Protein backbone atom coordinates (compact mmCIF):
# COMPACT_ATOMS: atom_id res chain seq x y z
CA MET A 1 1.81 -22.82 18.79
CA SER A 2 3.14 -21.80 15.43
CA PHE A 3 6.77 -21.95 14.41
CA THR A 4 6.23 -19.82 11.33
CA THR A 5 8.79 -17.06 11.09
CA ILE A 6 7.28 -13.70 10.26
CA GLU A 7 9.60 -11.22 8.65
CA GLN A 8 9.83 -7.82 10.34
CA ALA A 9 8.05 -5.08 8.38
CA THR A 10 10.12 -2.20 7.12
CA PRO A 11 9.54 0.82 9.39
CA ARG A 12 7.90 3.78 7.66
CA LEU A 13 7.70 7.41 8.65
CA HIS A 14 4.32 8.92 9.45
CA ARG A 15 5.03 12.63 9.71
CA SER A 16 2.59 13.93 7.14
CA GLU A 17 -0.48 12.87 5.20
CA LEU A 18 -1.97 14.17 1.98
CA ALA A 19 -5.69 13.65 1.38
CA VAL A 20 -6.79 13.35 -2.25
CA PRO A 21 -10.46 13.03 -3.26
CA GLY A 22 -11.08 9.85 -5.23
CA SER A 23 -13.45 11.76 -7.46
CA ASN A 24 -10.62 13.94 -8.82
CA PRO A 25 -8.16 11.68 -10.69
CA SER A 26 -6.37 14.70 -12.16
CA MET A 27 -4.80 15.17 -8.71
CA PHE A 28 -3.34 11.64 -8.46
CA GLU A 29 -0.14 12.21 -10.45
CA LYS A 30 0.65 15.38 -8.51
CA ALA A 31 -0.01 13.57 -5.23
CA ALA A 32 2.36 10.79 -6.30
CA ARG A 33 5.16 13.36 -6.58
CA CYS A 34 4.48 15.05 -3.23
CA ALA A 35 6.74 14.77 -0.20
CA ALA A 36 4.06 13.41 2.16
CA ASP A 37 4.81 10.14 3.93
CA ILE A 38 1.25 8.93 3.44
CA VAL A 39 -1.19 9.62 0.64
CA PHE A 40 -4.75 8.74 1.41
CA LEU A 41 -7.25 8.52 -1.37
CA ASP A 42 -10.60 9.61 0.01
CA LEU A 43 -13.90 7.89 -0.70
CA GLU A 44 -15.77 9.55 2.12
CA ASP A 45 -16.41 13.26 2.85
CA ALA A 46 -14.53 14.61 -0.17
CA VAL A 47 -16.75 12.67 -2.60
CA ALA A 48 -20.37 13.53 -3.43
CA PRO A 49 -22.81 10.61 -3.07
CA ASP A 50 -23.45 10.45 -6.82
CA ASP A 51 -19.71 10.18 -7.49
CA LYS A 52 -18.77 7.46 -4.99
CA GLU A 53 -18.85 4.48 -7.37
CA GLN A 54 -16.74 6.28 -9.97
CA ALA A 55 -14.35 7.48 -7.26
CA ARG A 56 -13.88 3.87 -6.18
CA ARG A 57 -13.03 2.88 -9.77
CA ASN A 58 -10.66 5.87 -10.05
CA ILE A 59 -8.83 4.79 -6.90
CA ILE A 60 -8.49 1.19 -8.05
CA GLN A 61 -7.03 2.34 -11.34
CA ALA A 62 -4.66 4.81 -9.66
CA LEU A 63 -3.37 2.33 -7.10
CA ASN A 64 -2.59 -0.13 -9.87
CA GLU A 65 -1.18 2.26 -12.49
CA VAL A 66 0.41 5.30 -10.80
CA ASP A 67 3.96 5.05 -9.45
CA TRP A 68 3.50 6.03 -5.79
CA GLY A 69 7.09 5.36 -4.85
CA SER A 70 7.74 4.00 -1.39
CA ARG A 71 5.17 6.07 0.47
CA THR A 72 2.35 4.46 2.41
CA MET A 73 -0.91 4.27 0.46
CA MET A 74 -4.18 4.43 2.32
CA ILE A 75 -7.84 4.82 1.45
CA ARG A 76 -10.46 6.37 3.68
CA ILE A 77 -13.63 4.36 3.38
CA ASN A 78 -17.16 5.53 3.97
CA GLY A 79 -18.62 5.09 7.44
CA LEU A 80 -19.62 1.67 8.71
CA ASP A 81 -23.19 2.94 8.93
CA THR A 82 -23.41 3.58 5.16
CA HIS A 83 -24.24 1.28 2.29
CA TYR A 84 -21.02 2.32 0.49
CA MET A 85 -18.60 0.89 3.05
CA TYR A 86 -18.75 -2.78 2.05
CA ARG A 87 -17.92 -2.13 -1.62
CA ASP A 88 -15.20 0.33 -0.59
CA VAL A 89 -13.38 -2.39 1.32
CA VAL A 90 -14.05 -5.41 -0.88
CA ASP A 91 -13.55 -3.83 -4.29
CA VAL A 92 -10.38 -1.92 -3.46
CA VAL A 93 -8.69 -4.51 -1.25
CA GLU A 94 -9.30 -7.33 -3.73
CA ALA A 95 -8.05 -5.33 -6.71
CA CYS A 96 -5.11 -3.39 -5.24
CA PRO A 97 -2.07 -5.18 -3.86
CA ARG A 98 -0.38 -1.74 -3.60
CA LEU A 99 -2.83 -0.62 -0.89
CA ASP A 100 -1.10 -0.58 2.49
CA THR A 101 -3.95 0.26 4.84
CA TRP A 102 -7.37 1.81 5.10
CA ARG A 103 -9.03 4.10 7.58
CA ARG A 104 -12.62 4.56 8.50
CA SER A 105 -14.26 7.65 9.83
CA PRO A 106 -16.05 7.51 13.14
CA SER A 107 -19.71 6.62 12.86
CA ARG A 108 -21.95 9.66 12.74
CA ALA A 109 -23.97 8.83 15.85
CA GLY A 110 -22.04 10.35 18.72
CA ALA A 111 -18.79 10.50 16.78
CA TRP A 112 -17.45 13.56 18.55
CA LYS A 113 -19.03 13.18 22.00
CA ARG A 114 -16.70 13.38 24.96
């Protein structure tokens, strides 16, 4: 049993999300001024395969340099069945204390089956 006191997290609204492709850093400043509760920087569908590594670097730079205010910051990583996923998680999480959470897309095999 642990007697460590864990401070309650500040509640945050989750009414709206804005998706911004990581391959388009010119959109980051505008996204930082938007009214969305969550901004998610996309490494997955919105980014062409040849641009994924640069998009990851763009996102790391933006999370560390852009003033995102108090909104929740999220990245969408590539699917678990891709070779991009590991670097998405490790590189961004290690380099970005401002990152609040990440999301993954469903795996392609049977993703939308009912």
